[in-house]
Amino acid sequence: MRPNILVIAGHDPSGGAGIHADIEAIQSTGGFASTLITALTVQNSRKVSSFQLTPLELLEQQANALLADYEFQAVKIGMTGSVATVEWIARLLARLPGVPVVLDPVLAAESGGSLAQGDLNEALMDRVAPQATVLTPNLPEAGQLSGETGVAEAGAALTRRCGRAVLVTGTHDDTDQVANHLFQGEHHRQWEWPRLPEVYHGSGCSLASAIASLLARGLPLEDAVGDAQAWLHRTLQHAWQPGGGQFVPDRSLTP
């Protein structure tokens, strides 16, 4: 039986990121994705132009229907879009006690363009992060959420604030190797991967969803984080360019 993963995220019509990436990553890593789409975006592989939020009443009806039928072994949260949606997600998570939660705090698209209304930082950190198993911000997101600039400083500050594990990804660092750092209290582990030449659309969504899928299959957190990175690196090595913008990981590959 495949584990059920509940994905709460936005829709990317280009197919590179968002819900598309989540479903494909979860499918490839052995899970089954159910989705609550927080927003419809206008974007392609080059940029985000705008987005429209899903009414909370509709999200509530969809969530009630799913929870009446499915049991979930993990939750992955991506684009939330607004403080009101964050508050609603926090209430939903309280209905899923003990379920691993991966929070990918999406604030902007990799290609450029905001994916948030208002200041989500405080709402995410105060309401959702304390209910998460692990946060997976990239370095700019970690900086925004923590007020710190360096990887070590931002990761440690986020871990102290929410009391949860934090994986800070280093794709935005100017280094030959991509260094990803997992902070768990005083414990710190680092993975390094050869930096690939292109710019990629949906890599963060894919990584967070793969971690959620592997947690749902029962892997310990550190193993799930390591295995998800190894899988993602392979998908990036085989990435392709569907349009004139960023490359898309080949998420058909299995671990």
C-alpha atoms as a PDB file:
ATOM      1  CA  MET A   1       0.000   0.000   0.000  1.00  0.00           C
ATOM      2  CA  ARG A   2       1.243   3.474  -0.864  1.00  0.00           C
ATOM      3  CA  PRO A   3       1.059   5.982   1.990  1.00  0.00           C
ATOM      4  CA  ASN A   4      -1.309   8.930   1.584  1.00  0.00           C
ATOM      5  CA  ILE A   5       0.293  12.377   1.606  1.00  0.00           C
ATOM      6  CA  LEU A   6      -1.848  15.504   1.892  1.00  0.00           C
ATOM      7  CA  VAL A   7      -0.369  18.346  -0.159  1.00  0.00           C
ATOM      8  CA  ILE A   8      -1.400  21.936   0.507  1.00  0.00           C
ATOM      9  CA  ALA A   9       0.107  24.193  -2.156  1.00  0.00           C
ATOM     10  CA  GLY A  10      -0.492  26.407  -5.172  1.00  0.00           C
ATOM     11  CA  HIS A  11      -1.057  25.423  -8.799  1.00  0.00           C
ATOM     12  CA  ASP A  12       1.563  26.211 -11.448  1.00  0.00           C
ATOM     13  CA  PRO A  13      -0.005  25.953 -14.929  1.00  0.00           C
ATOM     14  CA  SER A  14       3.426  25.488 -16.524  1.00  0.00           C
ATOM     15  CA  GLY A  15       3.806  22.147 -14.747  1.00  0.00           C
ATOM     16  CA  GLY A  16       7.244  22.933 -13.353  1.00  0.00           C
ATOM     17  CA  ALA A  17       6.516  23.701  -9.720  1.00  0.00           C
ATOM     18  CA  GLY A  18       3.678  23.717  -7.188  1.00  0.00           C
ATOM     19  CA  ILE A  19       1.093  20.971  -7.144  1.00  0.00           C
ATOM     20  CA  HIS A  20       2.396  19.396 -10.377  1.00  0.00           C
ATOM     21  CA  ALA A  21       5.860  18.994  -8.883  1.00  0.00           C
ATOM     22  CA  ASP A  22       4.436  17.706  -5.596  1.00  0.00           C
ATOM     23  CA  ILE A  23       2.317  14.993  -7.201  1.00  0.00           C
ATOM     24  CA  GLU A  24       5.123  13.798  -9.470  1.00  0.00           C
ATOM     25  CA  ALA A  25       7.713  13.763  -6.656  1.00  0.00           C
ATOM     26  CA  ILE A  26       5.419  11.875  -4.308  1.00  0.00           C
ATOM     27  CA  GLN A  27       4.440   9.371  -6.985  1.00  0.00           C
ATOM     28  CA  SER A  28       8.089   8.678  -7.853  1.00  0.00           C
ATOM     29  CA  THR A  29       9.123   8.213  -4.228  1.00  0.00           C
ATOM     30  CA  GLY A  30       6.397   5.724  -3.399  1.00  0.00           C
ATOM     31  CA  GLY A  31       3.510   7.812  -2.077  1.00  0.00           C
ATOM     32  CA  PHE A  32       0.033   8.879  -3.190  1.00  0.00           C
ATOM     33  CA  ALA A  33      -0.845  12.584  -3.209  1.00  0.00           C
ATOM     34  CA  SER A  34      -4.145  14.208  -2.330  1.00  0.00           C
ATOM     35  CA  THR A  35      -4.222  17.951  -2.912  1.00  0.00           C
ATOM     36  CA  LEU A  36      -5.689  21.126  -1.467  1.00  0.00           C
ATOM     37  CA  ILE A  37      -4.853  23.902  -3.920  1.00  0.00           C
ATOM     38  CA  THR A  38      -4.417  27.205  -2.109  1.00  0.00           C
ATOM     39  CA  ALA A  39      -4.112  29.411  -5.189  1.00  0.00           C
ATOM     40  CA  LEU A  40      -4.192  29.509  -8.968  1.00  0.00           C
ATOM     41  CA  THR A  41      -1.145  31.277 -10.389  1.00  0.00           C
ATOM     42  CA  VAL A  42      -0.410  32.926 -13.711  1.00  0.00           C
ATOM     43  CA  GLN A  43       3.130  31.837 -14.548  1.00  0.00           C
ATOM     44  CA  ASN A  44       5.384  30.016 -16.961  1.00  0.00           C
ATOM     45  CA  SER A  45       8.993  28.837 -16.796  1.00  0.00           C
ATOM     46  CA  ARG A  46      10.168  32.454 -17.011  1.00  0.00           C
ATOM     47  CA  LYS A  47       8.202  34.295 -14.287  1.00  0.00           C
ATOM     48  CA  VAL A  48       5.095  34.635 -12.103  1.00  0.00           C
ATOM     49  CA  SER A  49       2.654  37.355 -13.147  1.00  0.00           C
ATOM     50  CA  SER A  50      -0.148  37.055 -10.591  1.00  0.00           C
ATOM     51  CA  PHE A  51      -2.201  34.663  -8.500  1.00  0.00           C
ATOM     52  CA  GLN A  52      -5.701  34.268  -7.093  1.00  0.00           C
ATOM     53  CA  LEU A  53      -6.385  32.623  -3.750  1.00  0.00           C
ATOM     54  CA  THR A  54      -8.840  29.768  -3.279  1.00  0.00           C
ATOM     55  CA  PRO A  55     -11.757  30.731  -0.990  1.00  0.00           C
ATOM     56  CA  LEU A  56     -11.261  29.259   2.465  1.00  0.00           C
ATOM     57  CA  GLU A  57     -14.809  27.902   2.514  1.00  0.00           C
ATOM     58  CA  LEU A  58     -14.009  25.743  -0.506  1.00  0.00           C
ATOM     59  CA  LEU A  59     -10.733  24.537   1.019  1.00  0.00           C
ATOM     60  CA  GLU A  60     -12.602  23.632   4.199  1.00  0.00           C
ATOM     61  CA  GLN A  61     -15.188  21.611   2.266  1.00  0.00           C
ATOM     62  CA  GLN A  62     -12.462  19.785   0.345  1.00  0.00           C
ATOM     63  CA  ALA A  63     -10.501  19.042   3.522  1.00  0.00           C
ATOM     64  CA  ASN A  64     -13.589  17.720   5.285  1.00  0.00           C
ATOM     65  CA  ALA A  65     -14.342  15.426   2.361  1.00  0.00           C
ATOM     66  CA  LEU A  66     -10.795  14.055   2.315  1.00  0.00           C
ATOM     67  CA  LEU A  67     -10.533  13.552   6.076  1.00  0.00           C
ATOM     68  CA  ALA A  68     -13.852  11.713   6.092  1.00  0.00           C
ATOM     69  CA  ASP A  69     -12.389   9.144   3.694  1.00  0.00           C
ATOM     70  CA  TYR A  70      -8.585   9.010   3.977  1.00  0.00           C
ATOM     71  CA  GLU A  71      -6.026   8.614   6.699  1.00  0.00           C
ATOM     72  CA  PHE A  72      -2.844  10.543   5.969  1.00  0.00           C
ATOM     73  CA  GLN A  73       0.683   9.472   6.772  1.00  0.00           C
ATOM     74  CA  ALA A  74       2.290  12.861   6.010  1.00  0.00           C
ATOM     75  CA  VAL A  75       1.472  16.453   5.057  1.00  0.00           C
ATOM     76  CA  LYS A  76       3.450  18.716   2.736  1.00  0.00           C
ATOM     77  CA  ILE A  77       2.785  22.464   2.779  1.00  0.00           C
ATOM     78  CA  GLY A  78       4.009  24.756   0.019  1.00  0.00           C
ATOM     79  CA  MET A  79       2.522  28.045  -1.163  1.00  0.00           C
ATOM     80  CA  THR A  80       0.046  29.422   1.361  1.00  0.00           C
ATOM     81  CA  GLY A  81      -0.487  32.854  -0.184  1.00  0.00           C
ATOM     82  CA  SER A  82      -2.062  34.769   2.709  1.00  0.00           C
ATOM     83  CA  VAL A  83      -2.145  35.073   6.475  1.00  0.00           C
ATOM     84  CA  ALA A  84      -5.779  33.905   6.485  1.00  0.00           C
ATOM     85  CA  THR A  85      -4.796  30.719   4.627  1.00  0.00           C
ATOM     86  CA  VAL A  86      -1.934  30.137   7.067  1.00  0.00           C
ATOM     87  CA  GLU A  87      -4.355  30.427   9.991  1.00  0.00           C
ATOM     88  CA  TRP A  88      -6.697  27.944   8.320  1.00  0.00           C
ATOM     89  CA  ILE A  89      -3.843  25.477   7.706  1.00  0.00           C
ATOM     90  CA  ALA A  90      -2.838  25.713  11.375  1.00  0.00           C
ATOM     91  CA  ARG A  91      -6.361  24.707  12.384  1.00  0.00           C
ATOM     92  CA  LEU A  92      -6.337  21.857   9.877  1.00  0.00           C
ATOM     93  CA  LEU A  93      -3.036  20.484  11.191  1.00  0.00           C
ATOM     94  CA  ALA A  94      -4.529  20.329  14.681  1.00  0.00           C
ATOM     95  CA  ARG A  95      -6.925  17.727  13.249  1.00  0.00           C
ATOM     96  CA  LEU A  96      -3.969  15.540  12.201  1.00  0.00           C
ATOM     97  CA  PRO A  97      -2.033  14.952  15.427  1.00  0.00           C
ATOM     98  CA  GLY A  98       1.137  12.900  15.130  1.00  0.00           C
ATOM     99  CA  VAL A  99       1.291  13.097  11.334  1.00  0.00           C
ATOM    100  CA  PRO A 100       4.701  14.218   9.951  1.00  0.00           C
ATOM    101  CA  VAL A 101       4.510  17.682   8.389  1.00  0.00           C
ATOM    102  CA  VAL A 102       6.996  19.151   5.901  1.00  0.00           C
ATOM    103  CA  LEU A 103       6.742  22.935   5.606  1.00  0.00           C
ATOM    104  CA  ASP A 104       8.308  24.469   2.495  1.00  0.00           C
ATOM    105  CA  PRO A 105       7.805  28.195   3.228  1.00  0.00           C
ATOM    106  CA  VAL A 106       7.250  29.418  -0.338  1.00  0.00           C
ATOM    107  CA  LEU A 107       7.374  33.223  -0.429  1.00  0.00           C
ATOM    108  CA  ALA A 108       8.417  33.865  -4.045  1.00  0.00           C
ATOM    109  CA  ALA A 109       8.947  31.951  -7.264  1.00  0.00           C
ATOM    110  CA  GLU A 110      12.450  30.899  -8.282  1.00  0.00           C
ATOM    111  CA  SER A 111      11.914  32.688 -11.594  1.00  0.00           C
ATOM    112  CA  GLY A 112      10.801  35.876  -9.864  1.00  0.00           C
ATOM    113  CA  GLY A 113       7.465  37.171  -8.621  1.00  0.00           C
ATOM    114  CA  SER A 114       5.835  37.178  -5.203  1.00  0.00           C
ATOM    115  CA  LEU A 115       3.608  34.298  -4.126  1.00  0.00           C
ATOM    116  CA  ALA A 116       2.385  35.934  -0.943  1.00  0.00           C
ATOM    117  CA  GLN A 117      -0.101  38.578   0.133  1.00  0.00           C
ATOM    118  CA  GLY A 118       0.950  40.566   3.185  1.00  0.00           C
ATOM    119  CA  ASP A 119       3.667  39.520   5.607  1.00  0.00           C
ATOM    120  CA  LEU A 120       3.514  35.755   5.979  1.00  0.00           C
ATOM    121  CA  ASN A 121       6.720  35.462   7.974  1.00  0.00           C
ATOM    122  CA  GLU A 122       5.265  35.861  11.449  1.00  0.00           C
ATOM    123  CA  ALA A 123       2.164  33.824  10.687  1.00  0.00           C
ATOM    124  CA  LEU A 124       4.151  30.904   9.276  1.00  0.00           C
ATOM    125  CA  MET A 125       6.628  30.886  12.140  1.00  0.00           C
ATOM    126  CA  ASP A 126       4.068  31.337  14.907  1.00  0.00           C
ATOM    127  CA  ARG A 127       1.181  29.191  13.684  1.00  0.00           C
ATOM    128  CA  VAL A 128       2.426  26.484  11.299  1.00  0.00           C
ATOM    129  CA  ALA A 129       6.146  25.970  11.948  1.00  0.00           C
ATOM    130  CA  PRO A 130       5.633  24.738  15.548  1.00  0.00           C
ATOM    131  CA  GLN A 131       3.400  21.964  14.162  1.00  0.00           C
ATOM    132  CA  ALA A 132       5.899  20.914  11.479  1.00  0.00           C
ATOM    133  CA  THR A 133       8.386  18.060  11.577  1.00  0.00           C
ATOM    134  CA  VAL A 134      10.865  19.887   9.364  1.00  0.00           C
ATOM    135  CA  LEU A 135      11.056  23.205   7.501  1.00  0.00           C
ATOM    136  CA  THR A 136      12.803  23.288   4.109  1.00  0.00           C
ATOM    137  CA  PRO A 137      13.579  26.941   3.255  1.00  0.00           C
ATOM    138  CA  ASN A 138      16.152  27.920   0.683  1.00  0.00           C
ATOM    139  CA  LEU A 139      18.747  30.428   1.853  1.00  0.00           C
ATOM    140  CA  PRO A 140      16.791  33.594   0.871  1.00  0.00           C
ATOM    141  CA  GLU A 141      13.641  32.255   2.565  1.00  0.00           C
ATOM    142  CA  ALA A 142      15.613  31.287   5.676  1.00  0.00           C
ATOM    143  CA  GLY A 143      17.028  34.807   5.759  1.00  0.00           C
ATOM    144  CA  GLN A 144      13.597  36.394   5.451  1.00  0.00           C
ATOM    145  CA  LEU A 145      12.111  34.199   8.159  1.00  0.00           C
ATOM    146  CA  SER A 146      15.001  34.538  10.606  1.00  0.00           C
ATOM    147  CA  GLY A 147      16.454  37.974   9.915  1.00  0.00           C
ATOM    148  CA  GLU A 148      19.907  36.371   9.599  1.00  0.00           C
ATOM    149  CA  THR A 149      22.134  36.251   6.515  1.00  0.00           C
ATOM    150  CA  GLY A 150      24.369  33.181   6.856  1.00  0.00           C
ATOM    151  CA  VAL A 151      23.264  29.564   6.552  1.00  0.00           C
ATOM    152  CA  ALA A 152      24.411  28.560  10.030  1.00  0.00           C
ATOM    153  CA  GLU A 153      22.971  31.671  11.676  1.00  0.00           C
ATOM    154  CA  ALA A 154      19.613  31.447   9.882  1.00  0.00           C
ATOM    155  CA  GLY A 155      19.200  27.714  10.460  1.00  0.00           C
ATOM    156  CA  ALA A 156      20.074  27.933  14.150  1.00  0.00           C
ATOM    157  CA  ALA A 157      17.757  30.916  14.654  1.00  0.00           C
ATOM    158  CA  LEU A 158      14.819  29.171  12.975  1.00  0.00           C
ATOM    159  CA  THR A 159      15.363  25.993  14.959  1.00  0.00           C
ATOM    160  CA  ARG A 160      15.470  27.939  18.218  1.00  0.00           C
ATOM    161  CA  ARG A 161      12.336  29.857  17.374  1.00  0.00           C
ATOM    162  CA  CYS A 162      10.051  27.008  16.323  1.00  0.00           C
ATOM    163  CA  GLY A 163      11.712  24.095  18.097  1.00  0.00           C
ATOM    164  CA  ARG A 164      11.656  22.021  14.913  1.00  0.00           C
ATOM    165  CA  ALA A 165      14.196  20.636  12.468  1.00  0.00           C
ATOM    166  CA  VAL A 166      15.202  22.982   9.644  1.00  0.00           C
ATOM    167  CA  LEU A 167      16.816  22.046   6.330  1.00  0.00           C
ATOM    168  CA  VAL A 168      18.380  25.114   4.697  1.00  0.00           C
ATOM    169  CA  THR A 169      19.173  24.440   1.042  1.00  0.00           C
ATOM    170  CA  GLY A 170      22.207  26.116  -0.455  1.00  0.00           C
ATOM    171  CA  THR A 171      21.324  26.426  -4.123  1.00  0.00           C
ATOM    172  CA  HIS A 172      21.481  30.232  -3.859  1.00  0.00           C
ATOM    173  CA  ASP A 173      24.972  30.245  -2.357  1.00  0.00           C
ATOM    174  CA  ASP A 174      27.886  31.265  -4.597  1.00  0.00           C
ATOM    175  CA  THR A 175      29.888  28.053  -4.167  1.00  0.00           C
ATOM    176  CA  ASP A 176      31.152  25.214  -6.357  1.00  0.00           C
ATOM    177  CA  GLN A 177      29.244  22.707  -4.232  1.00  0.00           C
ATOM    178  CA  VAL A 178      25.617  22.993  -3.153  1.00  0.00           C
ATOM    179  CA  ALA A 179      25.649  22.555   0.628  1.00  0.00           C
ATOM    180  CA  ASN A 180      22.389  21.676   2.364  1.00  0.00           C
ATOM    181  CA  HIS A 181      22.303  21.964   6.143  1.00  0.00           C
ATOM    182  CA  LEU A 182      19.962  20.138   8.531  1.00  0.00           C
ATOM    183  CA  PHE A 183      19.599  21.671  11.987  1.00  0.00           C
ATOM    184  CA  GLN A 184      17.995  19.680  14.815  1.00  0.00           C
ATOM    185  CA  GLY A 185      18.542  21.433  18.116  1.00  0.00           C
ATOM    186  CA  GLU A 186      22.297  21.294  18.703  1.00  0.00           C
ATOM    187  CA  HIS A 187      22.762  18.640  16.008  1.00  0.00           C
ATOM    188  CA  HIS A 188      23.900  19.829  12.570  1.00  0.00           C
ATOM    189  CA  ARG A 189      24.465  17.728   9.469  1.00  0.00           C
ATOM    190  CA  GLN A 190      25.655  18.900   6.075  1.00  0.00           C
ATOM    191  CA  TRP A 191      25.377  17.304   2.620  1.00  0.00           C
ATOM    192  CA  GLU A 192      27.280  18.540  -0.437  1.00  0.00           C
ATOM    193  CA  TRP A 193      26.283  18.045  -4.078  1.00  0.00           C
ATOM    194  CA  PRO A 194      28.066  19.115  -7.280  1.00  0.00           C
ATOM    195  CA  ARG A 195      26.560  22.363  -8.521  1.00  0.00           C
ATOM    196  CA  LEU A 196      24.773  21.818 -11.827  1.00  0.00           C
ATOM    197  CA  PRO A 197      24.895  24.395 -14.615  1.00  0.00           C
ATOM    198  CA  GLU A 198      21.240  25.333 -15.122  1.00  0.00           C
ATOM    199  CA  VAL A 199      18.550  27.176 -13.149  1.00  0.00           C
ATOM    200  CA  TYR A 200      15.698  24.890 -12.156  1.00  0.00           C
ATOM    201  CA  HIS A 201      11.948  25.316 -11.741  1.00  0.00           C
ATOM    202  CA  GLY A 202      10.302  23.319  -8.957  1.00  0.00           C
ATOM    203  CA  SER A 203      13.358  21.854  -7.264  1.00  0.00           C
ATOM    204  CA  GLY A 204      12.337  23.080  -3.801  1.00  0.00           C
ATOM    205  CA  CYS A 205       8.792  21.751  -4.154  1.00  0.00           C
ATOM    206  CA  SER A 206      10.155  18.422  -5.367  1.00  0.00           C
ATOM    207  CA  LEU A 207      12.591  18.066  -2.473  1.00  0.00           C
ATOM    208  CA  ALA A 208      10.030  18.886   0.214  1.00  0.00           C
ATOM    209  CA  SER A 209       7.462  16.510  -1.289  1.00  0.00           C
ATOM    210  CA  ALA A 210      10.003  13.701  -1.577  1.00  0.00           C
ATOM    211  CA  ILE A 211      10.895  14.162   2.096  1.00  0.00           C
ATOM    212  CA  ALA A 212       7.201  13.994   3.034  1.00  0.00           C
ATOM    213  CA  SER A 213       6.725  10.856   0.959  1.00  0.00           C
ATOM    214  CA  LEU A 214       9.721   9.120   2.530  1.00  0.00           C
ATOM    215  CA  LEU A 215       8.649  10.137   6.043  1.00  0.00           C
ATOM    216  CA  ALA A 216       5.236   8.668   5.273  1.00  0.00           C
ATOM    217  CA  ARG A 217       6.954   5.412   4.359  1.00  0.00           C
ATOM    218  CA  GLY A 218       8.495   5.324   7.827  1.00  0.00           C
ATOM    219  CA  LEU A 219      12.051   6.571   7.240  1.00  0.00           C
ATOM    220  CA  PRO A 220      13.704   8.503  10.083  1.00  0.00           C
ATOM    221  CA  LEU A 221      13.994  12.219   9.376  1.00  0.00           C
ATOM    222  CA  GLU A 222      17.719  12.304   8.609  1.00  0.00           C
ATOM    223  CA  ASP A 223      17.446   9.321   6.258  1.00  0.00           C
ATOM    224  CA  ALA A 224      14.405  10.818   4.514  1.00  0.00           C
ATOM    225  CA  VAL A 225      16.231  14.134   4.036  1.00  0.00           C
ATOM    226  CA  GLY A 226      19.365  12.437   2.688  1.00  0.00           C
ATOM    227  CA  ASP A 227      17.537  10.061   0.355  1.00  0.00           C
ATOM    228  CA  ALA A 228      15.304  12.852  -0.970  1.00  0.00           C
ATOM    229  CA  GLN A 229      18.357  14.961  -1.818  1.00  0.00           C
ATOM    230  CA  ALA A 230      20.012  12.075  -3.653  1.00  0.00           C
ATOM    231  CA  TRP A 231      16.834  11.498  -5.672  1.00  0.00           C
ATOM    232  CA  LEU A 232      16.466  15.209  -6.445  1.00  0.00           C
ATOM    233  CA  HIS A 233      20.076  15.498  -7.625  1.00  0.00           C
ATOM    234  CA  ARG A 234      19.447  12.716 -10.153  1.00  0.00           C
ATOM    235  CA  THR A 235      16.286  14.439 -11.428  1.00  0.00           C
ATOM    236  CA  LEU A 236      18.244  17.673 -11.883  1.00  0.00           C
ATOM    237  CA  GLN A 237      21.008  15.886 -13.761  1.00  0.00           C
ATOM    238  CA  HIS A 238      18.322  14.761 -16.238  1.00  0.00           C
ATOM    239  CA  ALA A 239      16.379  18.041 -16.271  1.00  0.00           C
ATOM    240  CA  TRP A 240      15.007  19.422 -19.507  1.00  0.00           C
ATOM    241  CA  GLN A 241      13.792  22.788 -20.799  1.00  0.00           C
ATOM    242  CA  PRO A 242      10.099  22.751 -21.815  1.00  0.00           C
ATOM    243  CA  GLY A 243      10.047  26.446 -22.807  1.00  0.00           C
ATOM    244  CA  GLY A 244      12.364  29.395 -22.953  1.00  0.00           C
ATOM    245  CA  GLY A 245      13.002  29.727 -19.229  1.00  0.00           C
ATOM    246  CA  GLN A 246      14.111  27.465 -16.411  1.00  0.00           C
ATOM    247  CA  PHE A 247      14.809  23.740 -16.594  1.00  0.00           C
ATOM    248  CA  VAL A 248      12.398  21.238 -15.024  1.00  0.00           C
ATOM    249  CA  PRO A 249      13.626  18.177 -13.047  1.00  0.00           C
ATOM    250  CA  ASP A 250      12.869  14.777 -14.514  1.00  0.00           C
ATOM    251  CA  ARG A 251      10.653  13.619 -11.681  1.00  0.00           C
ATOM    252  CA  SER A 252       9.771  10.378 -13.462  1.00  0.00           C
ATOM    253  CA  LEU A 253      12.977   8.904 -12.031  1.00  0.00           C
ATOM    254  CA  THR A 254      12.588   6.714  -8.970  1.00  0.00           C
ATOM    255  CA  PRO A 255      15.068   6.512  -6.065  1.00  0.00           C
END
